Amino acid sequence: MNCIELMVDEHKYIKRMLSVIRKHCNKILNGENVRYEDFFKVIDFVRNYADKHHHGKEEALLFERMTEELGPAADKLVRLGMNVEHDLGRLHISELEAAVKRVLEGDSEARLDVIANAISYTHLLNRHIDKEDGVVYKYARNNLSKETMERLENECKVFEQKAREEKIQEKYIGLLGELESQA
């Protein structure tokens, strides 16, 4: 599997977590018992798998190569599009974490902020993933030189090997399965 195919594949795991998030929020709406502590597991997955692992490859490898080689159009797409959305996602997750802490401290009204930030994150990421899979990655495949794609492949292999040694994929795909089974 090449680097871009791998990132598309990682999107499938991220979308599965977005579904878990929605199910947790639906439980809140329906007045069902919710283990708010599970949101910390979701946040861990988002920060360390979706953001650090997946977005790390995009930002440090793919997007960097695109802006180096493809000029102003790629720079705008990456800097004013994808990276802005990555940062907005980080804001939603930070606000979600703060809201969950407030709920656990007894602030029942903070449940609104849990739902608002969690659902906003799911909406943002679903649209973001669709743009990357449907536009950004295709643009990169069609326009980056063969040499740049080979360089990207090599860098991606090194990145993935380090992650395998740290058991990132194993840990977070396992955590996803755990949360899906409880949702």
Protein backbone atom coordinates (compact mmCIF):
# COMPACT_ATOMS: atom_id res chain seq x y z
CA MET A 1 0.00 0.00 0.00
CA ASN A 2 1.49 3.35 -0.95
CA CYS A 3 1.51 6.40 1.31
CA ILE A 4 -1.63 8.02 -0.08
CA GLU A 5 -3.53 4.72 -0.06
CA LEU A 6 -2.44 4.27 3.55
CA MET A 7 -3.80 7.71 4.49
CA VAL A 8 -7.12 6.89 2.76
CA ASP A 9 -7.21 3.64 4.74
CA GLU A 10 -6.53 5.52 7.99
CA HIS A 11 -9.52 7.72 7.21
CA LYS A 12 -11.72 4.62 7.54
CA TYR A 13 -10.60 4.15 11.15
CA ILE A 14 -11.10 7.84 11.87
CA LYS A 15 -14.62 7.75 10.41
CA ARG A 16 -15.42 4.74 12.58
CA MET A 17 -14.40 6.82 15.63
CA LEU A 18 -16.62 9.65 14.42
CA SER A 19 -19.50 7.19 14.49
CA VAL A 20 -18.61 6.22 18.07
CA ILE A 21 -18.62 9.89 19.04
CA ARG A 22 -22.10 10.41 17.56
CA LYS A 23 -23.42 7.35 19.41
CA HIS A 24 -22.08 8.69 22.71
CA CYS A 25 -23.72 12.05 22.06
CA ASN A 26 -27.01 10.39 21.17
CA LYS A 27 -26.93 8.59 24.52
CA ILE A 28 -26.54 11.96 26.25
CA LEU A 29 -29.53 13.32 24.33
CA ASN A 30 -31.64 10.30 25.21
CA GLY A 31 -30.80 10.55 28.90
CA GLU A 32 -29.03 7.19 28.86
CA ASN A 33 -26.15 6.29 31.13
CA VAL A 34 -22.95 7.69 29.63
CA ARG A 35 -19.45 6.95 30.80
CA TYR A 36 -18.00 10.43 30.32
CA GLU A 37 -14.55 9.01 31.06
CA ASP A 38 -14.80 7.24 27.68
CA PHE A 39 -14.59 10.66 26.03
CA PHE A 40 -11.00 10.84 27.32
CA LYS A 41 -10.30 7.64 25.36
CA VAL A 42 -11.87 9.23 22.29
CA ILE A 43 -9.73 12.33 22.81
CA ASP A 44 -6.63 10.15 23.16
CA PHE A 45 -7.45 8.44 19.84
CA VAL A 46 -8.09 11.76 18.11
CA ARG A 47 -4.95 13.43 19.41
CA ASN A 48 -2.56 10.54 18.94
CA TYR A 49 -3.92 8.55 16.01
CA ALA A 50 -5.98 10.98 13.93
CA ASP A 51 -3.88 14.05 14.63
CA LYS A 52 -0.31 13.11 15.57
CA HIS A 53 -0.07 9.94 13.48
CA HIS A 54 -2.31 10.64 10.48
CA HIS A 55 -2.22 14.45 10.26
CA GLY A 56 1.47 14.24 11.15
CA LYS A 57 2.11 12.38 7.89
CA GLU A 58 -0.04 14.80 5.95
CA GLU A 59 1.48 17.97 7.38
CA ALA A 60 5.14 16.95 7.58
CA LEU A 61 5.28 14.81 4.45
CA LEU A 62 2.53 15.12 1.84
CA PHE A 63 1.51 18.75 2.32
CA GLU A 64 5.14 19.83 2.61
CA ARG A 65 5.97 18.16 -0.71
CA MET A 66 2.89 19.68 -2.35
CA THR A 67 3.72 23.24 -1.28
CA GLU A 68 7.38 22.81 -2.28
CA GLU A 69 6.63 21.51 -5.75
CA LEU A 70 3.19 22.63 -6.82
CA GLY A 71 3.29 26.34 -6.07
CA PRO A 72 0.66 28.86 -4.99
CA ALA A 73 -2.43 26.74 -5.71
CA ALA A 74 -1.17 23.90 -3.52
CA ASP A 75 0.02 26.36 -0.89
CA LYS A 76 -3.46 27.89 -0.63
CA LEU A 77 -5.14 24.48 -0.60
CA VAL A 78 -2.88 23.27 2.19
CA ARG A 79 -2.29 26.40 4.28
CA LEU A 80 -5.73 28.01 3.98
CA GLY A 81 -7.74 24.82 3.68
CA MET A 82 -6.47 21.60 5.15
CA ASN A 83 -4.24 23.04 7.89
CA VAL A 84 -6.95 25.48 9.01
CA GLU A 85 -9.37 22.57 9.32
CA HIS A 86 -6.80 20.54 11.27
CA ASP A 87 -6.47 23.45 13.69
CA LEU A 88 -10.23 23.87 14.01
CA GLY A 89 -10.51 20.16 14.82
CA ARG A 90 -7.89 20.61 17.54
CA LEU A 91 -9.95 23.45 19.00
CA HIS A 92 -13.11 21.31 19.09
CA ILE A 93 -11.21 18.51 20.85
CA SER A 94 -9.70 20.92 23.38
CA GLU A 95 -13.15 22.37 24.10
CA LEU A 96 -14.61 18.85 24.32
CA GLU A 97 -11.99 17.89 26.89
CA ALA A 98 -12.77 20.98 28.99
CA ALA A 99 -16.52 20.28 28.79
CA VAL A 100 -16.11 16.64 29.85
CA LYS A 101 -14.07 17.75 32.87
CA ARG A 102 -16.82 20.21 33.83
CA VAL A 103 -19.47 17.48 33.54
CA LEU A 104 -17.41 15.19 35.77
CA GLU A 105 -17.12 18.05 38.29
CA GLY A 106 -20.92 18.23 38.44
CA ASP A 107 -21.77 20.89 35.86
CA SER A 108 -24.71 19.23 34.10
CA GLU A 109 -25.12 22.15 31.68
CA ALA A 110 -21.65 21.37 30.29
CA ARG A 111 -23.26 18.34 28.60
CA LEU A 112 -24.39 20.84 25.95
CA ASP A 113 -20.76 21.77 25.31
CA VAL A 114 -19.81 18.10 25.13
CA ILE A 115 -22.42 17.51 22.45
CA ALA A 116 -21.72 20.77 20.60
CA ASN A 117 -17.98 20.24 20.34
CA ALA A 118 -18.12 16.50 19.72
CA ILE A 119 -20.70 16.80 16.94
CA SER A 120 -18.96 19.83 15.45
CA TYR A 121 -15.78 17.76 15.31
CA THR A 122 -17.57 14.88 13.57
CA HIS A 123 -19.11 17.21 10.98
CA LEU A 124 -15.79 18.95 10.33
CA LEU A 125 -13.81 15.72 10.00
CA ASN A 126 -16.33 13.93 7.79
CA ARG A 127 -16.27 16.84 5.31
CA HIS A 128 -12.51 17.22 5.67
CA ILE A 129 -11.87 13.54 4.92
CA ASP A 130 -14.12 13.69 1.87
CA LYS A 131 -12.12 16.67 0.54
CA GLU A 132 -8.81 14.96 1.14
CA ASP A 133 -9.86 11.66 -0.42
CA GLY A 134 -11.72 13.27 -3.31
CA VAL A 135 -9.56 16.29 -4.12
CA VAL A 136 -6.30 16.79 -2.22
CA TYR A 137 -4.86 13.30 -2.58
CA LYS A 138 -5.89 13.07 -6.24
CA TYR A 139 -4.32 16.46 -6.90
CA ALA A 140 -1.09 15.25 -5.30
CA ARG A 141 -1.08 11.94 -7.22
CA ASN A 142 -1.74 13.66 -10.53
CA ASN A 143 0.71 16.53 -10.13
CA LEU A 144 3.68 15.57 -7.96
CA SER A 145 6.68 14.32 -9.91
CA LYS A 146 7.64 10.66 -9.87
CA GLU A 147 10.76 11.57 -7.88
CA THR A 148 8.73 13.43 -5.27
CA MET A 149 6.27 10.54 -4.97
CA GLU A 150 9.19 8.15 -4.44
CA ARG A 151 10.64 10.46 -1.79
CA LEU A 152 7.24 10.64 -0.13
CA GLU A 153 6.99 6.83 -0.14
CA ASN A 154 10.38 6.48 1.52
CA GLU A 155 9.59 9.10 4.16
CA CYS A 156 6.24 7.48 4.81
CA LYS A 157 7.85 4.05 5.30
CA VAL A 158 10.22 5.50 7.91
CA PHE A 159 7.33 7.30 9.66
CA GLU A 160 5.22 4.12 9.70
CA GLN A 161 8.08 1.93 10.91
CA LYS A 162 8.66 4.23 13.87
CA ALA A 163 4.93 4.16 14.65
CA ARG A 164 4.89 0.34 14.43
CA GLU A 165 7.82 0.16 16.86
CA GLU A 166 5.82 2.36 19.25
CA LYS A 167 2.72 0.19 18.59
CA ILE A 168 0.65 3.27 17.65
CA GLN A 169 -1.52 1.49 15.07
CA GLU A 170 -2.06 -1.55 17.29
CA LYS A 171 -2.95 0.54 20.35
CA TYR A 172 -5.38 2.91 18.69
CA ILE A 173 -7.10 0.46 16.36
CA GLY A 174 -7.58 -1.73 19.43
CA LEU A 175 -8.97 1.20 21.40
CA LEU A 176 -11.36 1.93 18.53
CA GLY A 177 -12.65 -1.66 18.64
CA GLU A 178 -13.12 -1.41 22.42
CA LEU A 179 -15.13 1.80 22.14
CA GLU A 180 -17.22 0.45 19.25
CA SER A 181 -18.15 -2.59 21.31
CA GLN A 182 -19.40 -0.34 24.12
CA ALA A 183 -21.24 2.20 21.96
